[in-house]
C-alpha atoms as a PDB file:
ATOM      1  CA  MET A   1      21.495   5.936 -11.979  1.00  0.00           C
ATOM      2  CA  ARG A   2      21.651   7.643 -15.322  1.00  0.00           C
ATOM      3  CA  MET A   3      19.649  10.759 -16.294  1.00  0.00           C
ATOM      4  CA  LEU A   4      19.053  12.381 -19.614  1.00  0.00           C
ATOM      5  CA  LEU A   5      18.865  16.130 -19.238  1.00  0.00           C
ATOM      6  CA  ARG A   6      17.073  18.128 -21.822  1.00  0.00           C
ATOM      7  CA  GLY A   7      17.343  21.842 -22.408  1.00  0.00           C
ATOM      8  CA  PRO A   8      20.002  24.231 -21.020  1.00  0.00           C
ATOM      9  CA  VAL A   9      21.786  23.002 -17.863  1.00  0.00           C
ATOM     10  CA  LEU A  10      24.025  25.297 -15.870  1.00  0.00           C
ATOM     11  CA  PRO A  11      27.550  23.912 -15.488  1.00  0.00           C
ATOM     12  CA  ALA A  12      27.249  23.903 -11.717  1.00  0.00           C
ATOM     13  CA  ALA A  13      24.016  21.887 -11.956  1.00  0.00           C
ATOM     14  CA  ALA A  14      25.528  19.490 -14.307  1.00  0.00           C
ATOM     15  CA  ALA A  15      28.607  19.023 -12.076  1.00  0.00           C
ATOM     16  CA  ALA A  16      26.375  18.530  -8.974  1.00  0.00           C
ATOM     17  CA  LEU A  17      24.371  15.796 -10.815  1.00  0.00           C
ATOM     18  CA  ALA A  18      27.456  14.077 -12.055  1.00  0.00           C
ATOM     19  CA  ALA A  19      28.851  14.060  -8.470  1.00  0.00           C
ATOM     20  CA  GLY A  20      25.615  12.350  -7.319  1.00  0.00           C
ATOM     21  CA  LEU A  21      24.374  15.300  -5.382  1.00  0.00           C
ATOM     22  CA  SER A  22      20.642  16.234  -5.419  1.00  0.00           C
ATOM     23  CA  LEU A  23      19.398  19.223  -7.294  1.00  0.00           C
ATOM     24  CA  ALA A  24      16.403  21.311  -6.104  1.00  0.00           C
ATOM     25  CA  LEU A  25      13.689  21.846  -8.578  1.00  0.00           C
ATOM     26  CA  PRO A  26      11.175  24.700  -8.653  1.00  0.00           C
ATOM     27  CA  ALA A  27       8.088  23.812  -6.653  1.00  0.00           C
ATOM     28  CA  ALA A  28       5.801  23.324  -9.679  1.00  0.00           C
ATOM     29  CA  ALA A  29       8.308  21.005 -11.341  1.00  0.00           C
ATOM     30  CA  ALA A  30       8.989  19.035  -8.208  1.00  0.00           C
ATOM     31  CA  THR A  31       5.402  18.475  -7.523  1.00  0.00           C
ATOM     32  CA  ALA A  32       4.696  17.245 -11.127  1.00  0.00           C
ATOM     33  CA  ALA A  33       7.759  15.021 -11.163  1.00  0.00           C
ATOM     34  CA  THR A  34       7.400  13.472  -7.704  1.00  0.00           C
ATOM     35  CA  ALA A  35       3.697  13.405  -6.925  1.00  0.00           C
ATOM     36  CA  PRO A  36       2.670   9.985  -5.708  1.00  0.00           C
ATOM     37  CA  PRO A  37      -0.121   8.190  -7.513  1.00  0.00           C
ATOM     38  CA  ALA A  38      -3.691   8.702  -6.227  1.00  0.00           C
ATOM     39  CA  ALA A  39      -4.463   6.621  -3.172  1.00  0.00           C
ATOM     40  CA  THR A  40      -6.474   3.455  -3.824  1.00  0.00           C
ATOM     41  CA  ALA A  41      -8.102   0.884  -1.611  1.00  0.00           C
ATOM     42  CA  ALA A  42      -5.622  -1.865  -0.519  1.00  0.00           C
ATOM     43  CA  TRP A  43      -7.904  -4.526  -1.868  1.00  0.00           C
ATOM     44  CA  SER A  44     -11.469  -4.342  -2.904  1.00  0.00           C
ATOM     45  CA  PRO A  45     -13.926  -5.895  -5.432  1.00  0.00           C
ATOM     46  CA  VAL A  46     -13.101  -5.004  -8.970  1.00  0.00           C
ATOM     47  CA  GLY A  47     -14.421  -1.553  -9.975  1.00  0.00           C
ATOM     48  CA  ALA A  48     -14.433   0.899 -12.805  1.00  0.00           C
ATOM     49  CA  GLY A  49     -11.070   1.317 -14.566  1.00  0.00           C
ATOM     50  CA  ALA A  50      -9.849  -2.103 -13.360  1.00  0.00           C
ATOM     51  CA  ASP A  51      -7.733  -4.400 -15.602  1.00  0.00           C
ATOM     52  CA  THR A  52     -10.302  -6.587 -17.176  1.00  0.00           C
ATOM     53  CA  SER A  53      -7.932  -8.942 -18.968  1.00  0.00           C
ATOM     54  CA  HIS A  54      -6.655 -11.109 -16.149  1.00  0.00           C
ATOM     55  CA  PHE A  55      -7.684 -13.516 -13.403  1.00  0.00           C
ATOM     56  CA  ILE A  56      -5.234 -13.111 -10.518  1.00  0.00           C
ATOM     57  CA  GLU A  57      -4.298 -15.571  -7.734  1.00  0.00           C
ATOM     58  CA  TYR A  58      -2.527 -14.257  -4.650  1.00  0.00           C
ATOM     59  CA  ALA A  59      -0.418 -16.118  -2.107  1.00  0.00           C
ATOM     60  CA  GLY A  60      -1.671 -13.918   0.691  1.00  0.00           C
ATOM     61  CA  SER A  61      -5.057 -12.796   1.928  1.00  0.00           C
ATOM     62  CA  ASN A  62      -6.605  -9.578   0.676  1.00  0.00           C
ATOM     63  CA  GLY A  63      -4.652  -9.584  -2.630  1.00  0.00           C
ATOM     64  CA  THR A  64      -1.198  -9.613  -1.026  1.00  0.00           C
ATOM     65  CA  GLY A  65       1.941 -11.585  -1.637  1.00  0.00           C
ATOM     66  CA  SER A  66       3.119 -13.263  -4.874  1.00  0.00           C
ATOM     67  CA  ALA A  67       0.696 -13.242  -7.713  1.00  0.00           C
ATOM     68  CA  ALA A  68      -0.034 -15.353 -10.805  1.00  0.00           C
ATOM     69  CA  GLU A  69      -2.092 -14.036 -13.698  1.00  0.00           C
ATOM     70  CA  THR A  70      -4.201 -15.873 -16.286  1.00  0.00           C
ATOM     71  CA  LEU A  71      -5.517 -14.075 -19.407  1.00  0.00           C
ATOM     72  CA  CYS A  72      -9.283 -13.859 -19.628  1.00  0.00           C
ATOM     73  CA  VAL A  73      -9.793 -16.047 -22.691  1.00  0.00           C
ATOM     74  CA  ALA A  74     -13.190 -17.915 -22.571  1.00  0.00           C
ATOM     75  CA  GLY A  75     -12.575 -21.626 -22.452  1.00  0.00           C
ATOM     76  CA  ARG A  76      -8.815 -21.336 -21.593  1.00  0.00           C
ATOM     77  CA  THR A  77      -7.402 -23.580 -18.914  1.00  0.00           C
ATOM     78  CA  ALA A  78      -4.100 -22.530 -17.290  1.00  0.00           C
ATOM     79  CA  PRO A  79      -1.854 -24.622 -14.943  1.00  0.00           C
ATOM     80  CA  GLY A  80      -1.629 -23.445 -11.323  1.00  0.00           C
ATOM     81  CA  GLY A  81       0.714 -20.623 -10.881  1.00  0.00           C
ATOM     82  CA  LEU A  82       1.062 -20.701  -7.119  1.00  0.00           C
ATOM     83  CA  SER A  83       1.341 -23.666  -4.689  1.00  0.00           C
ATOM     84  CA  THR A  84      -0.922 -21.870  -2.195  1.00  0.00           C
ATOM     85  CA  VAL A  85      -3.726 -19.402  -3.130  1.00  0.00           C
ATOM     86  CA  LYS A  86      -5.340 -17.438  -0.356  1.00  0.00           C
ATOM     87  CA  SER A  87      -7.141 -14.731  -2.352  1.00  0.00           C
ATOM     88  CA  VAL A  88      -8.246 -14.159  -5.961  1.00  0.00           C
ATOM     89  CA  THR A  89      -9.373 -11.264  -8.099  1.00  0.00           C
ATOM     90  CA  ASN A  90     -11.469 -12.154 -11.189  1.00  0.00           C
ATOM     91  CA  ASN A  91     -11.199  -9.151 -13.479  1.00  0.00           C
ATOM     92  CA  CYS A  92     -12.750 -11.244 -16.288  1.00  0.00           C
ATOM     93  CA  GLU A  93     -16.284 -10.881 -17.646  1.00  0.00           C
ATOM     94  CA  TYR A  94     -16.549 -14.673 -17.276  1.00  0.00           C
ATOM     95  CA  ARG A  95     -16.821 -17.035 -14.387  1.00  0.00           C
ATOM     96  CA  VAL A  96     -13.464 -18.610 -13.426  1.00  0.00           C
ATOM     97  CA  TYR A  97     -13.190 -22.177 -12.058  1.00  0.00           C
ATOM     98  CA  LEU A  98     -10.287 -23.116  -9.805  1.00  0.00           C
ATOM     99  CA  GLN A  99      -9.487 -26.746 -10.624  1.00  0.00           C
ATOM    100  CA  TYR A 100      -8.354 -29.348  -8.047  1.00  0.00           C
ATOM    101  CA  PRO A 101      -6.853 -32.835  -8.210  1.00  0.00           C
ATOM    102  CA  PRO A 102      -9.216 -35.758  -7.547  1.00  0.00           C
ATOM    103  CA  SER A 103      -7.400 -36.341  -4.165  1.00  0.00           C
ATOM    104  CA  ALA A 104      -8.790 -33.004  -2.959  1.00  0.00           C
ATOM    105  CA  GLY A 105     -12.156 -34.639  -2.455  1.00  0.00           C
ATOM    106  CA  HIS A 106     -14.157 -31.730  -3.938  1.00  0.00           C
ATOM    107  CA  GLY A 107     -14.985 -30.200  -7.350  1.00  0.00           C
ATOM    108  CA  PRO A 108     -13.967 -26.901  -8.821  1.00  0.00           C
ATOM    109  CA  ASP A 109     -14.487 -23.553  -6.993  1.00  0.00           C
ATOM    110  CA  CYS A 110     -16.438 -21.022  -9.080  1.00  0.00           C
ATOM    111  CA  ILE A 111     -15.400 -17.358  -8.898  1.00  0.00           C
ATOM    112  CA  ASN A 112     -17.995 -14.804  -9.989  1.00  0.00           C
ATOM    113  CA  PRO A 113     -17.059 -12.363 -12.761  1.00  0.00           C
ATOM    114  CA  HIS A 114     -15.617  -8.965 -11.561  1.00  0.00           C
ATOM    115  CA  THR A 115     -15.167  -9.988  -7.895  1.00  0.00           C
ATOM    116  CA  SER A 116     -12.346 -10.362  -5.397  1.00  0.00           C
ATOM    117  CA  ARG A 117     -12.432 -12.705  -2.414  1.00  0.00           C
ATOM    118  CA  ASN A 118     -10.373 -14.570   0.146  1.00  0.00           C
ATOM    119  CA  ILE A 119     -10.093 -18.375   0.143  1.00  0.00           C
ATOM    120  CA  ALA A 120     -10.349 -19.180   3.861  1.00  0.00           C
ATOM    121  CA  ASP A 121     -10.824 -22.938   3.658  1.00  0.00           C
ATOM    122  CA  ALA A 122      -7.383 -24.599   3.445  1.00  0.00           C
ATOM    123  CA  ALA A 123      -8.875 -27.435   1.376  1.00  0.00           C
ATOM    124  CA  TYR A 124      -9.453 -24.880  -1.479  1.00  0.00           C
ATOM    125  CA  GLN A 125      -6.042 -23.137  -1.265  1.00  0.00           C
ATOM    126  CA  HIS A 126      -4.152 -25.557  -3.483  1.00  0.00           C
ATOM    127  CA  PRO A 127      -5.679 -25.548  -7.048  1.00  0.00           C
ATOM    128  CA  ASP A 128      -4.102 -27.308  -9.923  1.00  0.00           C
ATOM    129  CA  GLY A 129      -5.099 -24.550 -12.310  1.00  0.00           C
ATOM    130  CA  ALA A 130      -7.757 -22.213 -13.380  1.00  0.00           C
ATOM    131  CA  ARG A 131     -10.305 -22.515 -16.206  1.00  0.00           C
ATOM    132  CA  ILE A 132     -11.859 -19.414 -17.680  1.00  0.00           C
ATOM    133  CA  GLY A 133     -15.550 -20.237 -18.254  1.00  0.00           C
ATOM    134  CA  THR A 134     -17.792 -19.062 -21.105  1.00  0.00           C
ATOM    135  CA  SER A 135     -20.641 -17.839 -18.950  1.00  0.00           C
ATOM    136  CA  THR A 136     -20.973 -14.183 -17.720  1.00  0.00           C
ATOM    137  CA  ALA A 137     -23.685 -15.111 -15.178  1.00  0.00           C
ATOM    138  CA  PRO A 138     -22.908 -15.257 -11.470  1.00  0.00           C
ATOM    139  CA  CYS A 139     -21.945 -18.703 -10.042  1.00  0.00           C
ATOM    140  CA  SER A 140     -24.930 -20.604  -8.685  1.00  0.00           C
END
């Protein structure tokens, strides 16, 4: 790991860092430098401050596992990013339609704008792609 030190550094501190030893910081500096980000819910419907530029597919339930993102461009169709999709987050202002091959035996699955949900039915876990709709109304 490389560090860039700014300001005066005592020779002993510089030698300790070069040797790979840790260096204690004053409490205020340590808190500011190492404070973890604020705690957030593990997975919840999209709320204020969320990224509104992507539709996200997850390989695991509750927004876990590998993820594939599609930009929220009305009318855009994107190929499937994951072979199995167990949960989704629609950060878009538009409906999103998961597309399936004819062999699936059912039509597209509509995902409401600004929602997250699990896909429990195995028949709907293998989409060919996602189409960003042009409607901002909830799915009917």
